[in-house]
N, C-alpha and C. Protein backbone atom coordinates (compact mmCIF):
# COMPACT_ATOMS: atom_id res chain seq x y z
N MET A 1 -3.21 -266.02 -37.33
CA MET A 1 -3.69 -266.71 -38.52
C MET A 1 -4.99 -266.05 -38.96
N ILE A 2 -5.11 -265.79 -40.26
CA ILE A 2 -6.31 -265.18 -40.82
C ILE A 2 -6.98 -266.20 -41.73
N ILE A 3 -8.25 -266.47 -41.45
CA ILE A 3 -9.02 -267.41 -42.23
C ILE A 3 -10.09 -266.62 -42.98
N GLY A 4 -10.04 -266.66 -44.30
CA GLY A 4 -11.04 -265.98 -45.11
C GLY A 4 -12.25 -266.88 -45.33
N ILE A 5 -13.43 -266.28 -45.26
CA ILE A 5 -14.67 -267.00 -45.54
C ILE A 5 -15.33 -266.28 -46.70
N THR A 6 -15.64 -267.04 -47.75
CA THR A 6 -16.29 -266.46 -48.92
C THR A 6 -17.30 -267.47 -49.45
N GLY A 7 -17.90 -267.13 -50.56
CA GLY A 7 -18.89 -268.01 -51.18
C GLY A 7 -19.83 -267.20 -52.02
N GLY A 8 -20.77 -267.87 -52.60
CA GLY A 8 -21.76 -267.18 -53.42
C GLY A 8 -22.80 -266.48 -52.56
N ILE A 9 -23.48 -265.53 -53.16
CA ILE A 9 -24.57 -264.84 -52.49
C ILE A 9 -25.64 -265.86 -52.11
N ALA A 10 -26.14 -265.76 -50.89
CA ALA A 10 -27.20 -266.63 -50.37
C ALA A 10 -26.79 -268.10 -50.25
N CYS A 11 -25.48 -268.33 -50.06
CA CYS A 11 -25.00 -269.71 -49.88
C CYS A 11 -24.87 -270.08 -48.40
N GLY A 12 -24.86 -269.10 -47.51
CA GLY A 12 -24.82 -269.43 -46.09
C GLY A 12 -23.60 -268.96 -45.34
N LYS A 13 -22.93 -267.93 -45.83
CA LYS A 13 -21.77 -267.40 -45.09
C LYS A 13 -22.19 -266.91 -43.71
N SER A 14 -23.35 -266.30 -43.61
CA SER A 14 -23.83 -265.79 -42.32
C SER A 14 -24.06 -266.92 -41.33
N LEU A 15 -24.56 -268.05 -41.81
CA LEU A 15 -24.75 -269.22 -40.94
C LEU A 15 -23.40 -269.63 -40.34
N ILE A 16 -22.39 -269.64 -41.18
CA ILE A 16 -21.04 -270.03 -40.74
C ILE A 16 -20.50 -269.01 -39.74
N THR A 17 -20.57 -267.73 -40.08
CA THR A 17 -20.00 -266.71 -39.18
C THR A 17 -20.77 -266.62 -37.87
N ASN A 18 -22.09 -266.78 -37.90
CA ASN A 18 -22.86 -266.76 -36.66
C ASN A 18 -22.49 -267.94 -35.76
N TYR A 19 -22.24 -269.10 -36.37
CA TYR A 19 -21.81 -270.26 -35.60
C TYR A 19 -20.44 -270.00 -34.97
N LEU A 20 -19.53 -269.46 -35.78
CA LEU A 20 -18.19 -269.15 -35.25
C LEU A 20 -18.28 -268.18 -34.07
N LEU A 21 -19.08 -267.15 -34.22
CA LEU A 21 -19.26 -266.17 -33.13
C LEU A 21 -19.84 -266.85 -31.89
N SER A 22 -20.81 -267.74 -32.09
CA SER A 22 -21.43 -268.43 -30.95
C SER A 22 -20.45 -269.34 -30.23
N GLN A 23 -19.39 -269.75 -30.93
CA GLN A 23 -18.36 -270.61 -30.34
C GLN A 23 -17.18 -269.82 -29.80
N GLY A 24 -17.30 -268.49 -29.82
CA GLY A 24 -16.26 -267.63 -29.24
C GLY A 24 -15.15 -267.24 -30.18
N TYR A 25 -15.28 -267.52 -31.46
CA TYR A 25 -14.25 -267.12 -32.42
C TYR A 25 -14.42 -265.65 -32.79
N TYR A 26 -13.35 -265.05 -33.21
CA TYR A 26 -13.33 -263.64 -33.58
C TYR A 26 -13.56 -263.53 -35.08
N VAL A 27 -14.62 -262.82 -35.48
CA VAL A 27 -15.00 -262.71 -36.89
C VAL A 27 -15.18 -261.24 -37.26
N LEU A 28 -14.58 -260.84 -38.36
CA LEU A 28 -14.80 -259.52 -38.93
C LEU A 28 -15.62 -259.69 -40.20
N ASP A 29 -16.68 -258.91 -40.33
CA ASP A 29 -17.61 -259.01 -41.45
C ASP A 29 -17.43 -257.84 -42.40
N ALA A 30 -16.91 -258.11 -43.60
CA ALA A 30 -16.64 -257.05 -44.57
C ALA A 30 -17.91 -256.33 -45.00
N ASP A 31 -19.03 -257.05 -45.09
CA ASP A 31 -20.29 -256.39 -45.46
C ASP A 31 -20.72 -255.36 -44.42
N LYS A 32 -20.57 -255.72 -43.14
CA LYS A 32 -20.93 -254.77 -42.08
C LYS A 32 -20.02 -253.54 -42.14
N ILE A 33 -18.75 -253.76 -42.36
CA ILE A 33 -17.81 -252.63 -42.46
C ILE A 33 -18.15 -251.79 -43.70
N SER A 34 -18.53 -252.45 -44.81
CA SER A 34 -18.95 -251.71 -46.01
C SER A 34 -20.15 -250.82 -45.74
N HIS A 35 -21.08 -251.34 -44.95
CA HIS A 35 -22.26 -250.53 -44.60
C HIS A 35 -21.88 -249.33 -43.73
N GLU A 36 -20.87 -249.52 -42.88
CA GLU A 36 -20.37 -248.38 -42.08
C GLU A 36 -19.85 -247.27 -42.99
N ALA A 37 -19.26 -247.66 -44.12
CA ALA A 37 -18.72 -246.67 -45.07
C ALA A 37 -19.83 -245.79 -45.65
N LEU A 38 -21.04 -246.32 -45.67
CA LEU A 38 -22.18 -245.59 -46.23
C LEU A 38 -22.90 -244.72 -45.20
N GLU A 39 -22.37 -244.69 -43.99
CA GLU A 39 -22.99 -243.89 -42.92
C GLU A 39 -22.32 -242.54 -42.80
N LYS A 40 -23.11 -241.56 -42.37
CA LYS A 40 -22.56 -240.23 -42.13
C LYS A 40 -21.39 -240.34 -41.17
N GLY A 41 -20.36 -239.59 -41.44
CA GLY A 41 -19.20 -239.60 -40.56
C GLY A 41 -18.08 -240.50 -41.04
N SER A 42 -18.37 -241.43 -41.97
CA SER A 42 -17.27 -242.26 -42.47
C SER A 42 -16.41 -241.40 -43.38
N PRO A 43 -15.13 -241.74 -43.51
CA PRO A 43 -14.24 -240.94 -44.34
C PRO A 43 -14.59 -240.93 -45.83
N VAL A 44 -15.40 -241.88 -46.28
CA VAL A 44 -15.74 -241.95 -47.70
C VAL A 44 -17.18 -241.53 -47.99
N PHE A 45 -17.94 -241.21 -46.96
CA PHE A 45 -19.37 -240.89 -47.12
C PHE A 45 -19.61 -239.75 -48.10
N LYS A 46 -18.91 -238.63 -47.93
CA LYS A 46 -19.14 -237.45 -48.77
C LYS A 46 -18.81 -237.72 -50.23
N GLU A 47 -17.76 -238.49 -50.47
CA GLU A 47 -17.39 -238.81 -51.84
C GLU A 47 -18.48 -239.65 -52.53
N ILE A 48 -19.03 -240.62 -51.80
CA ILE A 48 -20.11 -241.45 -52.35
C ILE A 48 -21.36 -240.61 -52.57
N LEU A 49 -21.69 -239.78 -51.58
CA LEU A 49 -22.85 -238.89 -51.67
C LEU A 49 -22.76 -238.03 -52.92
N SER A 50 -21.63 -237.42 -53.12
CA SER A 50 -21.42 -236.52 -54.24
C SER A 50 -21.45 -237.26 -55.58
N HIS A 51 -20.72 -238.35 -55.66
CA HIS A 51 -20.62 -239.06 -56.94
C HIS A 51 -21.98 -239.58 -57.42
N PHE A 52 -22.78 -240.10 -56.50
CA PHE A 52 -24.07 -240.69 -56.87
C PHE A 52 -25.23 -239.69 -56.78
N HIS A 53 -24.90 -238.42 -56.55
CA HIS A 53 -25.87 -237.32 -56.56
C HIS A 53 -26.98 -237.47 -55.53
N PHE A 54 -26.61 -237.90 -54.32
CA PHE A 54 -27.57 -237.92 -53.22
C PHE A 54 -27.42 -236.61 -52.47
N LYS A 55 -28.49 -236.17 -51.84
CA LYS A 55 -28.47 -234.87 -51.16
C LYS A 55 -27.75 -234.94 -49.81
N GLU A 56 -28.41 -235.49 -48.80
CA GLU A 56 -27.81 -235.53 -47.46
C GLU A 56 -27.59 -236.94 -46.93
N GLU A 57 -28.31 -237.90 -47.51
CA GLU A 57 -28.18 -239.29 -47.09
C GLU A 57 -28.09 -240.17 -48.33
N ILE A 58 -27.51 -241.34 -48.15
CA ILE A 58 -27.40 -242.29 -49.26
C ILE A 58 -28.68 -243.12 -49.30
N ASP A 59 -29.32 -243.14 -50.44
CA ASP A 59 -30.51 -243.97 -50.66
C ASP A 59 -30.01 -245.37 -51.04
N HIS A 60 -30.05 -246.28 -50.07
CA HIS A 60 -29.47 -247.62 -50.26
C HIS A 60 -30.15 -248.39 -51.38
N LYS A 61 -31.48 -248.28 -51.48
CA LYS A 61 -32.18 -249.00 -52.55
C LYS A 61 -31.78 -248.46 -53.92
N GLN A 62 -31.71 -247.16 -54.04
CA GLN A 62 -31.32 -246.55 -55.31
C GLN A 62 -29.87 -246.91 -55.66
N LEU A 63 -29.01 -246.86 -54.66
CA LEU A 63 -27.61 -247.20 -54.88
C LEU A 63 -27.49 -248.64 -55.36
N SER A 64 -28.24 -249.56 -54.74
CA SER A 64 -28.22 -250.97 -55.16
C SER A 64 -28.66 -251.12 -56.60
N LYS A 65 -29.72 -250.43 -56.97
CA LYS A 65 -30.20 -250.51 -58.36
C LYS A 65 -29.12 -250.07 -59.33
N VAL A 66 -28.44 -248.98 -59.00
CA VAL A 66 -27.40 -248.46 -59.88
C VAL A 66 -26.24 -249.44 -60.00
N ILE A 67 -25.70 -249.89 -58.87
CA ILE A 67 -24.48 -250.70 -58.93
C ILE A 67 -24.70 -252.11 -59.45
N PHE A 68 -25.93 -252.64 -59.29
CA PHE A 68 -26.16 -253.99 -59.80
C PHE A 68 -26.53 -253.99 -61.28
N HIS A 69 -26.71 -252.82 -61.86
CA HIS A 69 -27.03 -252.75 -63.29
C HIS A 69 -26.04 -251.91 -64.08
N ASN A 70 -25.00 -251.40 -63.41
CA ASN A 70 -24.01 -250.58 -64.11
C ASN A 70 -22.64 -250.96 -63.56
N SER A 71 -21.92 -251.77 -64.32
CA SER A 71 -20.64 -252.29 -63.83
C SER A 71 -19.61 -251.18 -63.60
N LYS A 72 -19.66 -250.13 -64.39
CA LYS A 72 -18.71 -249.02 -64.21
C LYS A 72 -18.94 -248.35 -62.85
N GLU A 73 -20.20 -248.11 -62.51
CA GLU A 73 -20.52 -247.49 -61.22
C GLU A 73 -20.22 -248.44 -60.05
N ARG A 74 -20.46 -249.74 -60.26
CA ARG A 74 -20.15 -250.71 -59.22
C ARG A 74 -18.65 -250.72 -58.94
N LYS A 75 -17.86 -250.71 -60.01
CA LYS A 75 -16.40 -250.71 -59.84
C LYS A 75 -15.93 -249.43 -59.17
N TYR A 76 -16.57 -248.32 -59.49
CA TYR A 76 -16.20 -247.06 -58.85
C TYR A 76 -16.48 -247.14 -57.34
N LEU A 77 -17.68 -247.61 -56.98
CA LEU A 77 -18.02 -247.72 -55.56
C LEU A 77 -17.06 -248.66 -54.84
N GLU A 78 -16.75 -249.78 -55.47
CA GLU A 78 -15.81 -250.74 -54.88
C GLU A 78 -14.43 -250.12 -54.70
N SER A 79 -14.02 -249.26 -55.63
CA SER A 79 -12.69 -248.63 -55.52
C SER A 79 -12.61 -247.68 -54.32
N ILE A 80 -13.74 -247.23 -53.85
CA ILE A 80 -13.78 -246.37 -52.66
C ILE A 80 -13.92 -247.20 -51.39
N ILE A 81 -14.84 -248.16 -51.43
CA ILE A 81 -15.18 -248.92 -50.23
C ILE A 81 -14.14 -249.98 -49.87
N HIS A 82 -13.60 -250.70 -50.86
CA HIS A 82 -12.67 -251.79 -50.53
C HIS A 82 -11.44 -251.35 -49.75
N PRO A 83 -10.78 -250.25 -50.12
CA PRO A 83 -9.64 -249.82 -49.29
C PRO A 83 -10.05 -249.47 -47.86
N TYR A 84 -11.23 -248.88 -47.71
CA TYR A 84 -11.75 -248.56 -46.37
C TYR A 84 -11.93 -249.83 -45.55
N VAL A 85 -12.55 -250.84 -46.16
CA VAL A 85 -12.80 -252.11 -45.47
C VAL A 85 -11.48 -252.79 -45.11
N LYS A 86 -10.55 -252.81 -46.04
CA LYS A 86 -9.26 -253.45 -45.79
C LYS A 86 -8.52 -252.77 -44.63
N GLU A 87 -8.55 -251.45 -44.61
CA GLU A 87 -7.90 -250.70 -43.53
C GLU A 87 -8.52 -251.04 -42.18
N LYS A 88 -9.84 -251.13 -42.14
CA LYS A 88 -10.54 -251.47 -40.88
C LYS A 88 -10.19 -252.89 -40.43
N ILE A 89 -10.15 -253.82 -41.38
CA ILE A 89 -9.82 -255.21 -41.03
C ILE A 89 -8.39 -255.29 -40.48
N LEU A 90 -7.46 -254.67 -41.18
CA LEU A 90 -6.07 -254.72 -40.74
C LEU A 90 -5.87 -254.07 -39.37
N ALA A 91 -6.69 -253.09 -39.04
CA ALA A 91 -6.59 -252.41 -37.75
C ALA A 91 -7.18 -253.22 -36.60
N HIS A 92 -7.93 -254.27 -36.92
CA HIS A 92 -8.63 -255.02 -35.87
C HIS A 92 -8.32 -256.51 -35.87
N LEU A 93 -7.16 -256.90 -36.35
CA LEU A 93 -6.79 -258.32 -36.37
C LEU A 93 -6.43 -258.82 -34.98
N GLU A 94 -6.74 -260.08 -34.73
CA GLU A 94 -6.34 -260.78 -33.51
C GLU A 94 -5.55 -262.01 -33.94
N PRO A 95 -4.94 -262.73 -32.98
CA PRO A 95 -4.11 -263.88 -33.37
C PRO A 95 -4.81 -264.91 -34.28
N LEU A 96 -6.09 -265.17 -34.02
CA LEU A 96 -6.89 -266.00 -34.93
C LEU A 96 -8.11 -265.18 -35.32
N THR A 97 -8.16 -264.77 -36.58
CA THR A 97 -9.24 -263.93 -37.06
C THR A 97 -9.87 -264.56 -38.29
N PHE A 98 -11.20 -264.67 -38.26
CA PHE A 98 -11.95 -265.08 -39.43
C PHE A 98 -12.47 -263.81 -40.08
N ILE A 99 -12.30 -263.69 -41.40
CA ILE A 99 -12.84 -262.53 -42.10
C ILE A 99 -13.85 -263.01 -43.13
N ASP A 100 -15.06 -262.52 -43.03
CA ASP A 100 -16.14 -262.85 -43.95
C ASP A 100 -16.14 -261.80 -45.05
N VAL A 101 -15.67 -262.22 -46.24
CA VAL A 101 -15.55 -261.29 -47.37
C VAL A 101 -16.17 -261.94 -48.61
N PRO A 102 -17.40 -261.53 -48.97
CA PRO A 102 -18.04 -262.13 -50.14
C PRO A 102 -17.20 -262.04 -51.41
N LEU A 103 -16.51 -260.94 -51.61
CA LEU A 103 -15.71 -260.74 -52.82
C LEU A 103 -14.22 -260.96 -52.53
N LEU A 104 -13.92 -261.96 -51.75
CA LEU A 104 -12.56 -262.25 -51.32
C LEU A 104 -11.60 -262.39 -52.49
N PHE A 105 -11.97 -263.17 -53.51
CA PHE A 105 -11.09 -263.39 -54.65
C PHE A 105 -11.19 -262.27 -55.68
N GLU A 106 -12.35 -261.64 -55.76
CA GLU A 106 -12.52 -260.57 -56.74
C GLU A 106 -11.74 -259.32 -56.33
N THR A 107 -11.37 -259.26 -55.08
CA THR A 107 -10.54 -258.17 -54.55
C THR A 107 -9.20 -258.77 -54.16
N ASP A 108 -8.36 -258.01 -53.53
CA ASP A 108 -7.08 -258.58 -53.10
C ASP A 108 -7.11 -259.06 -51.64
N PHE A 109 -8.29 -259.20 -51.07
CA PHE A 109 -8.40 -259.64 -49.68
C PHE A 109 -7.87 -261.06 -49.48
N TYR A 110 -7.92 -261.88 -50.51
CA TYR A 110 -7.41 -263.25 -50.37
C TYR A 110 -5.92 -263.26 -50.02
N LEU A 111 -5.21 -262.20 -50.38
CA LEU A 111 -3.78 -262.13 -50.08
C LEU A 111 -3.51 -262.00 -48.58
N LEU A 112 -4.51 -261.56 -47.82
CA LEU A 112 -4.37 -261.43 -46.37
C LEU A 112 -4.50 -262.78 -45.65
N CYS A 113 -5.05 -263.77 -46.33
CA CYS A 113 -5.48 -265.01 -45.68
C CYS A 113 -4.43 -266.11 -45.68
N ASP A 114 -4.37 -266.80 -44.55
CA ASP A 114 -3.54 -267.99 -44.44
C ASP A 114 -4.28 -269.21 -44.98
N LYS A 115 -5.60 -269.24 -44.77
CA LYS A 115 -6.47 -270.32 -45.25
C LYS A 115 -7.78 -269.68 -45.71
N ILE A 116 -8.45 -270.37 -46.63
CA ILE A 116 -9.71 -269.84 -47.16
C ILE A 116 -10.77 -270.94 -47.17
N ILE A 117 -11.95 -270.56 -46.69
CA ILE A 117 -13.12 -271.44 -46.68
C ILE A 117 -14.14 -270.86 -47.67
N THR A 118 -14.61 -271.68 -48.60
CA THR A 118 -15.70 -271.27 -49.48
C THR A 118 -16.97 -272.01 -49.06
N VAL A 119 -18.05 -271.25 -48.94
CA VAL A 119 -19.36 -271.81 -48.61
C VAL A 119 -20.16 -271.84 -49.91
N LYS A 120 -20.67 -273.02 -50.24
CA LYS A 120 -21.45 -273.15 -51.47
C LYS A 120 -22.79 -273.78 -51.16
N ALA A 121 -23.69 -273.66 -52.12
CA ALA A 121 -24.99 -274.33 -52.03
C ALA A 121 -25.42 -274.68 -53.45
N ASP A 122 -26.28 -275.65 -53.57
CA ASP A 122 -26.84 -276.00 -54.86
C ASP A 122 -27.45 -274.75 -55.49
N ARG A 123 -27.25 -274.55 -56.77
CA ARG A 123 -27.70 -273.32 -57.44
C ARG A 123 -29.19 -273.06 -57.26
N ASN A 124 -30.02 -274.08 -57.35
CA ASN A 124 -31.46 -273.88 -57.18
C ASN A 124 -31.80 -273.44 -55.76
N ILE A 125 -31.09 -273.99 -54.79
CA ILE A 125 -31.28 -273.59 -53.39
C ILE A 125 -30.83 -272.15 -53.22
N GLN A 126 -29.70 -271.81 -53.82
CA GLN A 126 -29.15 -270.46 -53.74
C GLN A 126 -30.15 -269.45 -54.32
N ILE A 127 -30.70 -269.74 -55.48
CA ILE A 127 -31.67 -268.83 -56.11
C ILE A 127 -32.90 -268.67 -55.22
N LYS A 128 -33.42 -269.78 -54.71
CA LYS A 128 -34.61 -269.74 -53.85
C LYS A 128 -34.34 -268.91 -52.60
N ARG A 129 -33.19 -269.14 -51.95
CA ARG A 129 -32.85 -268.37 -50.74
C ARG A 129 -32.74 -266.87 -51.04
N LEU A 130 -32.11 -266.55 -52.16
CA LEU A 130 -31.92 -265.14 -52.52
C LEU A 130 -33.27 -264.48 -52.82
N MET A 131 -34.15 -265.17 -53.52
CA MET A 131 -35.48 -264.63 -53.81
C MET A 131 -36.25 -264.37 -52.53
N GLU A 132 -36.19 -265.32 -51.59
CA GLU A 132 -36.91 -265.18 -50.32
C GLU A 132 -36.29 -264.11 -49.43
N ARG A 133 -34.97 -264.14 -49.32
CA ARG A 133 -34.28 -263.21 -48.43
C ARG A 133 -34.41 -261.76 -48.87
N ASP A 134 -34.21 -261.51 -50.18
CA ASP A 134 -34.19 -260.14 -50.68
C ASP A 134 -35.45 -259.76 -51.45
N HIS A 135 -36.46 -260.63 -51.41
CA HIS A 135 -37.75 -260.34 -52.05
C HIS A 135 -37.56 -259.91 -53.51
N MET A 136 -36.91 -260.76 -54.28
CA MET A 136 -36.65 -260.42 -55.69
C MET A 136 -37.18 -261.52 -56.59
N SER A 137 -37.29 -261.19 -57.86
CA SER A 137 -37.76 -262.15 -58.85
C SER A 137 -36.67 -263.18 -59.15
N TYR A 138 -37.08 -264.24 -59.82
CA TYR A 138 -36.15 -265.27 -60.25
C TYR A 138 -35.06 -264.66 -61.14
N GLN A 139 -35.49 -263.82 -62.10
CA GLN A 139 -34.54 -263.22 -63.04
C GLN A 139 -33.53 -262.33 -62.32
N GLU A 140 -34.00 -261.55 -61.36
CA GLU A 140 -33.09 -260.67 -60.62
C GLU A 140 -32.11 -261.49 -59.78
N ALA A 141 -32.59 -262.59 -59.18
CA ALA A 141 -31.70 -263.45 -58.39
C ALA A 141 -30.62 -264.06 -59.28
N VAL A 142 -31.01 -264.55 -60.44
CA VAL A 142 -30.04 -265.14 -61.37
C VAL A 142 -29.04 -264.08 -61.82
N HIS A 143 -29.53 -262.87 -62.07
CA HIS A 143 -28.64 -261.77 -62.48
C HIS A 143 -27.62 -261.47 -61.39
N ARG A 144 -28.07 -261.35 -60.15
CA ARG A 144 -27.15 -261.06 -59.04
C ARG A 144 -26.09 -262.15 -58.91
N ILE A 145 -26.50 -263.39 -59.02
CA ILE A 145 -25.55 -264.51 -58.92
C ILE A 145 -24.54 -264.44 -60.07
N SER A 146 -25.00 -264.07 -61.25
CA SER A 146 -24.12 -264.02 -62.43
C SER A 146 -23.05 -262.94 -62.32
N LEU A 147 -23.26 -261.95 -61.45
CA LEU A 147 -22.28 -260.88 -61.28
C LEU A 147 -21.07 -261.33 -60.47
N GLN A 148 -21.20 -262.47 -59.78
CA GLN A 148 -20.11 -262.95 -58.94
C GLN A 148 -19.26 -263.98 -59.68
N MET A 149 -18.05 -264.15 -59.17
CA MET A 149 -17.18 -265.19 -59.70
C MET A 149 -17.89 -266.54 -59.55
N PRO A 150 -17.78 -267.42 -60.53
CA PRO A 150 -18.42 -268.74 -60.42
C PRO A 150 -17.94 -269.46 -59.15
N ILE A 151 -18.87 -270.11 -58.49
CA ILE A 151 -18.55 -270.78 -57.23
C ILE A 151 -17.50 -271.88 -57.45
N THR A 152 -17.50 -272.49 -58.63
CA THR A 152 -16.50 -273.53 -58.91
C THR A 152 -15.08 -272.95 -58.89
N GLU A 153 -14.93 -271.71 -59.33
CA GLU A 153 -13.62 -271.05 -59.30
C GLU A 153 -13.22 -270.75 -57.86
N LYS A 154 -14.18 -270.31 -57.04
CA LYS A 154 -13.89 -270.05 -55.63
C LYS A 154 -13.48 -271.34 -54.93
N GLU A 155 -14.19 -272.43 -55.23
CA GLU A 155 -13.85 -273.73 -54.64
C GLU A 155 -12.41 -274.12 -55.00
N ARG A 156 -12.08 -273.96 -56.27
CA ARG A 156 -10.75 -274.35 -56.76
C ARG A 156 -9.65 -273.60 -56.03
N ARG A 157 -9.91 -272.36 -55.67
CA ARG A 157 -8.89 -271.50 -55.07
C ARG A 157 -8.90 -271.55 -53.53
N SER A 158 -9.74 -272.38 -52.95
CA SER A 158 -9.90 -272.43 -51.50
C SER A 158 -9.19 -273.64 -50.89
N ASP A 159 -8.91 -273.51 -49.61
CA ASP A 159 -8.34 -274.64 -48.87
C ASP A 159 -9.43 -275.59 -48.40
N TYR A 160 -10.61 -275.05 -48.11
CA TYR A 160 -11.73 -275.82 -47.61
C TYR A 160 -13.01 -275.39 -48.31
N VAL A 161 -13.95 -276.35 -48.47
CA VAL A 161 -15.26 -276.05 -49.05
C VAL A 161 -16.32 -276.64 -48.13
N ILE A 162 -17.31 -275.82 -47.81
CA ILE A 162 -18.46 -276.28 -47.03
C ILE A 162 -19.67 -276.26 -47.95
N ASP A 163 -20.33 -277.41 -48.10
CA ASP A 163 -21.55 -277.49 -48.90
C ASP A 163 -22.74 -277.28 -47.97
N ASN A 164 -23.40 -276.15 -48.12
CA ASN A 164 -24.53 -275.78 -47.26
C ASN A 164 -25.86 -276.04 -47.96
N SER A 165 -25.93 -277.14 -48.72
CA SER A 165 -27.17 -277.50 -49.41
C SER A 165 -28.06 -278.39 -48.56
N GLY A 166 -27.49 -278.98 -47.53
CA GLY A 166 -28.24 -279.93 -46.71
C GLY A 166 -28.72 -279.32 -45.41
N THR A 167 -28.67 -280.13 -44.37
CA THR A 167 -29.15 -279.68 -43.06
C THR A 167 -28.12 -278.76 -42.39
N ILE A 168 -28.60 -277.98 -41.45
CA ILE A 168 -27.71 -277.12 -40.66
C ILE A 168 -26.70 -277.98 -39.91
N GLU A 169 -27.17 -279.10 -39.39
CA GLU A 169 -26.27 -280.00 -38.64
C GLU A 169 -25.12 -280.48 -39.51
N HIS A 170 -25.43 -280.84 -40.77
CA HIS A 170 -24.37 -281.30 -41.67
C HIS A 170 -23.39 -280.16 -41.98
N THR A 171 -23.91 -278.96 -42.13
CA THR A 171 -23.04 -277.80 -42.36
C THR A 171 -22.12 -277.59 -41.16
N TYR A 172 -22.67 -277.67 -39.96
CA TYR A 172 -21.86 -277.50 -38.74
C TYR A 172 -20.82 -278.61 -38.61
N GLN A 173 -21.17 -279.83 -39.00
CA GLN A 173 -20.20 -280.94 -38.94
C GLN A 173 -19.01 -280.64 -39.85
N GLN A 174 -19.28 -280.16 -41.05
CA GLN A 174 -18.20 -279.82 -41.98
C GLN A 174 -17.32 -278.72 -41.39
N LEU A 175 -17.95 -277.70 -40.82
CA LEU A 175 -17.21 -276.59 -40.23
C LEU A 175 -16.37 -277.07 -39.04
N ASN A 176 -16.94 -277.92 -38.19
CA ASN A 176 -16.18 -278.42 -37.04
C ASN A 176 -14.97 -279.24 -37.45
N THR A 177 -15.09 -279.98 -38.54
CA THR A 177 -13.93 -280.72 -39.07
C THR A 177 -12.84 -279.74 -39.48
N ILE A 178 -13.23 -278.69 -40.18
CA ILE A 178 -12.27 -277.67 -40.61
C ILE A 178 -11.64 -276.98 -39.41
N LEU A 179 -12.44 -276.64 -38.42
CA LEU A 179 -11.91 -275.99 -37.21
C LEU A 179 -10.89 -276.89 -36.52
N GLY A 180 -11.15 -278.18 -36.51
CA GLY A 180 -10.21 -279.13 -35.93
C GLY A 180 -8.87 -279.10 -36.65
N GLU A 181 -8.93 -279.04 -37.98
CA GLU A 181 -7.70 -278.98 -38.78
C GLU A 181 -6.95 -277.67 -38.56
N ILE A 182 -7.69 -276.58 -38.44
CA ILE A 182 -7.06 -275.27 -38.19
C ILE A 182 -6.39 -275.25 -36.82
N LYS A 183 -7.10 -275.75 -35.81
CA LYS A 183 -6.51 -275.81 -34.46
C LYS A 183 -5.25 -276.66 -34.45
N HIS A 184 -5.28 -277.79 -35.18
CA HIS A 184 -4.11 -278.66 -35.27
C HIS A 184 -2.95 -277.92 -35.93
N ALA A 185 -3.23 -277.20 -37.00
CA ALA A 185 -2.19 -276.45 -37.72
C ALA A 185 -1.57 -275.38 -36.83
N ILE A 186 -2.40 -274.71 -36.02
CA ILE A 186 -1.92 -273.66 -35.13
C ILE A 186 -1.01 -274.25 -34.05
N SER A 187 -1.36 -275.44 -33.57
CA SER A 187 -0.59 -276.05 -32.48
C SER A 187 0.74 -276.64 -32.94
N GLN A 188 0.95 -276.73 -34.25
CA GLN A 188 2.18 -277.33 -34.76
C GLN A 188 3.36 -276.37 -34.63
């Protein structure tokens, strides 16, 4: 069984995946795999290096500036990285696998999933977390959020929704309820 985890930027997907890992669940993180694609030695490294005119290493800050302000370049990068990430995920599946994929619906990764969990947070909390986490202005945080599918659409397309606007304990309670339902479904 494959359980997809998605949500808006700075909504708390990492909190969920870290909890799952601490409880012994198997989790694959698409963002971590994407970062591997940007390292020397990955099969797509040279293509990215060449396309974005970097010399010997990828300048991550410069790349972020380009892709978050140029949709054509962002789509190009995604067209290279997403197949790489999907191949890695498919090569490392276990009987129960959670996959953390921020762009689960924006890509075809949702087709891999038996169930989907969306993590959401109040928009003001999301903006504040993003500003603090990534040291960005209010305007930049709002812009980054606007580049993603609306969280209401992700909720609509999900089997489960976790609201991470409150306490960590409340978030864990919601997740444990979902885990109980998943375990029950597996045992049927």
